[in-house]
Amino acid sequence: MDFSGAFSWINIRFLLDGLWVTIQVSIVSIIFSMILGGIAGTVRYSDIPIVSKVVGVVVDIIRNLPLLLIIFFTYFALPQIGIKLNIFWAAVAALTIFESAMLSEIFRAGLNAVPKGQTEAGLSSGLTYVQTLTIIVIPQAFKSMLPAILSQLISLIKDTSLAVIISLPELMHNARIVYGQNTNYVIPMFIVMTAMYFVVCYALSLASRYLENSKYNY
């Protein structure tokens, strides 16, 4: 093992570049995932005839597929039907598809946790169903959903490492390049990767724990 050589500034900066890509992919994916997951979860909660069942089937199928398969699909299969994405957007698309399905269940559970009386009160006051959802139900549900959403974000950050299979230049990919040039760097690189993943994920874990403990104090 060569710690001094492995921990040179050039290698550390290269790993930080990979970590930045990991964070970028995670942020973009979670934004799209929250939008699509929120829509899917709301549709399922609203129990719209046929539409809710179709969305439910799609969500269940995606949730039971391995993320690696979805990554392969977005990068290798989509070009076969004329949809060509670069590595970054192929990874974002795969993570968005997968995480949207996961987040839709969080949204649906959060909406179901709001007492039905809140919806009935909104409707009886003259609000439309959509207004009742957006003004009364969703804000209440979102507060209770935040810890679960942050936990899912932590999982998403770790899941970005699977995109190494399509050579996304994220943290795992860059670390492999470094220790691929010198096998004495293997353990030092894994130590650095562990530290970087831990710092990011543990910070989000603390935030999730804080929200979990304070969600009844809003």
Protein backbone atom coordinates (compact mmCIF):
# COMPACT_ATOMS: atom_id res chain seq x y z
CA MET A 1 0.00 0.00 0.00
CA ASP A 2 1.24 3.47 -0.94
CA PHE A 3 -0.73 6.04 1.03
CA SER A 4 1.54 8.99 0.28
CA GLY A 5 1.31 8.46 -3.48
CA ALA A 6 -2.40 7.64 -3.43
CA PHE A 7 -3.25 10.73 -1.42
CA SER A 8 -1.46 13.14 -3.75
CA TRP A 9 -3.37 16.31 -4.55
CA ILE A 10 -3.83 15.26 -8.18
CA ASN A 11 -5.57 12.04 -7.13
CA ILE A 12 -7.67 13.71 -4.44
CA ARG A 13 -8.76 16.43 -6.87
CA PHE A 14 -9.67 13.76 -9.42
CA LEU A 15 -11.81 12.01 -6.80
CA LEU A 16 -13.42 15.32 -5.83
CA ASP A 17 -14.30 15.86 -9.49
CA GLY A 18 -15.98 12.45 -9.42
CA LEU A 19 -17.80 13.33 -6.20
CA TRP A 20 -19.06 16.54 -7.82
CA VAL A 21 -20.47 14.53 -10.74
CA THR A 22 -22.12 12.19 -8.22
CA ILE A 23 -23.73 15.17 -6.48
CA GLN A 24 -24.82 16.75 -9.77
CA VAL A 25 -26.46 13.55 -11.00
CA SER A 26 -28.12 13.10 -7.61
CA ILE A 27 -29.51 16.64 -7.47
CA VAL A 28 -30.89 16.61 -11.01
CA SER A 29 -32.34 13.13 -10.53
CA ILE A 30 -34.03 13.94 -7.22
CA ILE A 31 -35.62 17.10 -8.69
CA PHE A 32 -37.11 15.19 -11.63
CA SER A 33 -37.97 12.25 -9.38
CA MET A 34 -39.87 14.42 -6.92
CA ILE A 35 -41.90 15.96 -9.74
CA LEU A 36 -42.76 12.65 -11.41
CA GLY A 37 -43.06 10.77 -8.11
CA GLY A 38 -45.32 13.47 -6.70
CA ILE A 39 -47.58 13.32 -9.74
CA ALA A 40 -47.71 9.51 -9.71
CA GLY A 41 -48.33 9.38 -5.96
CA THR A 42 -51.10 11.98 -6.17
CA VAL A 43 -52.75 10.17 -9.07
CA ARG A 44 -52.74 6.90 -7.13
CA TYR A 45 -54.04 8.63 -4.00
CA SER A 46 -56.85 10.30 -5.96
CA ASP A 47 -58.03 6.91 -7.22
CA ILE A 48 -58.83 8.13 -10.73
CA PRO A 49 -60.64 5.34 -12.64
CA ILE A 50 -58.30 3.31 -14.87
CA VAL A 51 -55.53 5.95 -14.74
CA SER A 52 -54.64 5.24 -11.10
CA LYS A 53 -54.54 1.50 -11.74
CA VAL A 54 -52.33 1.91 -14.82
CA VAL A 55 -49.94 4.17 -12.90
CA GLY A 56 -49.96 1.66 -10.03
CA VAL A 57 -49.01 -1.19 -12.36
CA VAL A 58 -46.17 0.83 -13.91
CA VAL A 59 -44.86 1.86 -10.49
CA ASP A 60 -44.97 -1.72 -9.21
CA ILE A 61 -43.10 -2.99 -12.27
CA ILE A 62 -40.35 -0.38 -11.94
CA ARG A 63 -39.98 -0.91 -8.19
CA ASN A 64 -39.38 -4.60 -8.77
CA LEU A 65 -36.70 -4.14 -11.44
CA PRO A 66 -32.99 -3.85 -10.59
CA LEU A 67 -31.65 -0.35 -11.09
CA LEU A 68 -28.74 -1.74 -13.09
CA LEU A 69 -31.19 -3.08 -15.68
CA ILE A 70 -32.79 0.35 -16.02
CA ILE A 71 -29.36 1.95 -16.47
CA PHE A 72 -28.57 -0.53 -19.25
CA PHE A 73 -31.95 0.24 -20.82
CA THR A 74 -31.50 4.01 -20.89
CA TYR A 75 -27.96 3.85 -22.24
CA PHE A 76 -28.03 0.87 -24.60
CA ALA A 77 -31.69 0.23 -25.49
CA LEU A 78 -33.09 3.74 -25.97
CA PRO A 79 -30.68 4.52 -28.86
CA GLN A 80 -32.19 1.55 -30.68
CA ILE A 81 -35.49 3.42 -30.85
CA GLY A 82 -33.92 6.75 -31.75
CA ILE A 83 -33.47 8.25 -28.28
CA LYS A 84 -29.76 8.92 -27.78
CA LEU A 85 -28.60 10.21 -24.42
CA ASN A 86 -25.07 10.97 -23.31
CA ILE A 87 -23.69 9.19 -20.25
CA PHE A 88 -24.74 11.90 -17.80
CA TRP A 89 -28.35 12.08 -18.98
CA ALA A 90 -28.64 8.32 -19.38
CA ALA A 91 -27.70 7.99 -15.70
CA VAL A 92 -30.11 10.77 -14.73
CA ALA A 93 -32.92 9.18 -16.74
CA ALA A 94 -32.36 5.76 -15.16
CA LEU A 95 -32.18 7.13 -11.63
CA THR A 96 -35.22 9.34 -12.26
CA ILE A 97 -37.30 6.41 -13.51
CA PHE A 98 -36.33 4.24 -10.56
CA GLU A 99 -36.52 6.89 -7.85
CA SER A 100 -39.83 8.27 -9.15
CA ALA A 101 -41.41 4.90 -8.49
CA MET A 102 -39.97 4.82 -4.98
CA LEU A 103 -40.94 8.39 -4.19
CA SER A 104 -44.46 7.89 -5.53
CA GLU A 105 -45.06 5.40 -2.73
CA ILE A 106 -43.71 7.88 -0.18
CA PHE A 107 -46.02 10.59 -1.53
CA ARG A 108 -49.01 8.24 -1.57
CA ALA A 109 -48.33 7.10 2.00
CA GLY A 110 -47.91 10.71 3.13
CA LEU A 111 -51.19 11.75 1.53
CA ASN A 112 -53.00 8.78 3.03
CA ALA A 113 -51.67 9.78 6.46
CA VAL A 114 -53.59 13.07 6.32
CA PRO A 115 -57.01 12.56 7.97
CA LYS A 116 -59.84 12.31 5.46
CA GLY A 117 -61.65 14.97 7.42
CA GLN A 118 -59.19 17.54 6.08
CA THR A 119 -60.27 16.79 2.52
CA GLU A 120 -63.93 16.80 3.48
CA ALA A 121 -63.52 20.14 5.28
CA GLY A 122 -61.86 21.67 2.23
CA LEU A 123 -64.56 20.46 -0.12
CA SER A 124 -67.34 21.59 2.19
CA SER A 125 -65.82 25.07 2.36
CA GLY A 126 -66.25 25.46 -1.39
CA LEU A 127 -62.77 24.52 -2.59
CA THR A 128 -62.39 22.25 -5.58
CA TYR A 129 -60.70 18.87 -5.16
CA VAL A 130 -57.48 20.15 -6.76
CA GLN A 131 -57.49 23.25 -4.54
CA THR A 132 -58.07 21.07 -1.47
CA LEU A 133 -55.09 18.92 -2.38
CA THR A 134 -52.71 21.79 -3.12
CA ILE A 135 -53.76 24.10 -0.28
CA ILE A 136 -54.67 21.72 2.54
CA VAL A 137 -53.63 18.09 2.03
CA ILE A 138 -50.25 18.22 0.27
CA PRO A 139 -48.63 20.81 2.60
CA GLN A 140 -49.58 18.72 5.63
CA ALA A 141 -48.43 15.49 3.98
CA PHE A 142 -45.14 16.96 2.77
CA LYS A 143 -44.00 17.74 6.30
CA SER A 144 -44.31 14.12 7.32
CA MET A 145 -42.74 12.94 4.06
CA LEU A 146 -39.53 14.98 4.33
CA PRO A 147 -37.54 12.46 6.42
CA ALA A 148 -38.46 9.60 4.08
CA ILE A 149 -37.61 11.73 1.04
CA LEU A 150 -34.19 12.55 2.50
CA SER A 151 -33.60 8.86 3.24
CA GLN A 152 -34.43 8.07 -0.38
CA LEU A 153 -32.01 10.77 -1.47
CA ILE A 154 -29.29 9.06 0.54
CA SER A 155 -30.03 5.82 -1.28
CA LEU A 156 -29.96 7.67 -4.61
CA ILE A 157 -26.50 9.09 -3.91
CA LYS A 158 -25.19 5.60 -3.20
CA ASP A 159 -26.99 4.20 -6.24
CA THR A 160 -25.10 6.57 -8.56
CA SER A 161 -22.11 4.25 -8.14
CA LEU A 162 -23.95 1.73 -10.34
CA ALA A 163 -23.54 4.13 -13.26
CA VAL A 164 -19.87 3.15 -13.30
CA ILE A 165 -21.05 0.36 -15.59
CA ILE A 166 -21.65 2.94 -18.36
CA SER A 167 -18.46 4.87 -17.48
CA LEU A 168 -20.14 7.86 -15.84
CA PRO A 169 -17.15 9.81 -14.41
CA GLU A 170 -18.52 9.75 -10.85
CA LEU A 171 -16.63 8.95 -7.66
CA MET A 172 -16.40 5.18 -8.08
CA HIS A 173 -15.37 5.48 -11.73
CA ASN A 174 -12.57 7.94 -10.98
CA ALA A 175 -11.32 5.86 -8.06
CA ARG A 176 -11.11 2.82 -10.31
CA ILE A 177 -8.99 4.79 -12.77
CA VAL A 178 -6.59 5.84 -10.00
CA TYR A 179 -6.05 2.39 -8.50
CA GLY A 180 -6.08 0.86 -11.97
CA GLN A 181 -2.83 2.70 -12.64
CA ASN A 182 -1.20 1.45 -9.45
CA THR A 183 -2.50 -1.55 -7.50
CA ASN A 184 -0.83 -0.18 -4.35
CA TYR A 185 -3.54 2.49 -4.34
CA VAL A 186 -6.48 0.07 -4.01
CA ILE A 187 -6.98 0.23 -0.23
CA PRO A 188 -6.17 3.97 0.06
CA MET A 189 -8.72 4.72 -2.68
CA PHE A 190 -11.39 2.66 -0.92
CA ILE A 191 -10.64 4.52 2.30
CA VAL A 192 -11.07 7.89 0.56
CA MET A 193 -14.25 6.77 -1.22
CA THR A 194 -15.66 5.50 2.06
CA ALA A 195 -14.90 8.82 3.75
CA MET A 196 -16.46 10.89 0.95
CA TYR A 197 -19.64 8.81 0.73
CA PHE A 198 -19.89 8.81 4.52
CA VAL A 199 -19.58 12.58 4.88
CA VAL A 200 -22.26 13.30 2.27
CA CYS A 201 -24.68 10.57 3.31
CA TYR A 202 -24.21 11.05 7.05
CA ALA A 203 -24.92 14.78 6.74
CA LEU A 204 -28.21 13.94 5.00
CA SER A 205 -28.89 11.25 7.59
CA LEU A 206 -28.53 13.79 10.38
CA ALA A 207 -30.90 16.12 8.56
CA SER A 208 -33.38 13.29 8.16
CA ARG A 209 -33.10 12.41 11.84
CA TYR A 210 -33.63 16.05 12.81
CA LEU A 211 -36.75 16.30 10.68
CA GLU A 212 -38.03 13.00 12.04
CA ASN A 213 -37.66 14.24 15.63
CA SER A 214 -39.16 17.64 14.92
CA LYS A 215 -41.96 16.80 12.50
CA TYR A 216 -44.55 17.12 15.22
CA ASN A 217 -43.30 20.58 16.12
CA TYR A 218 -44.09 22.37 12.85
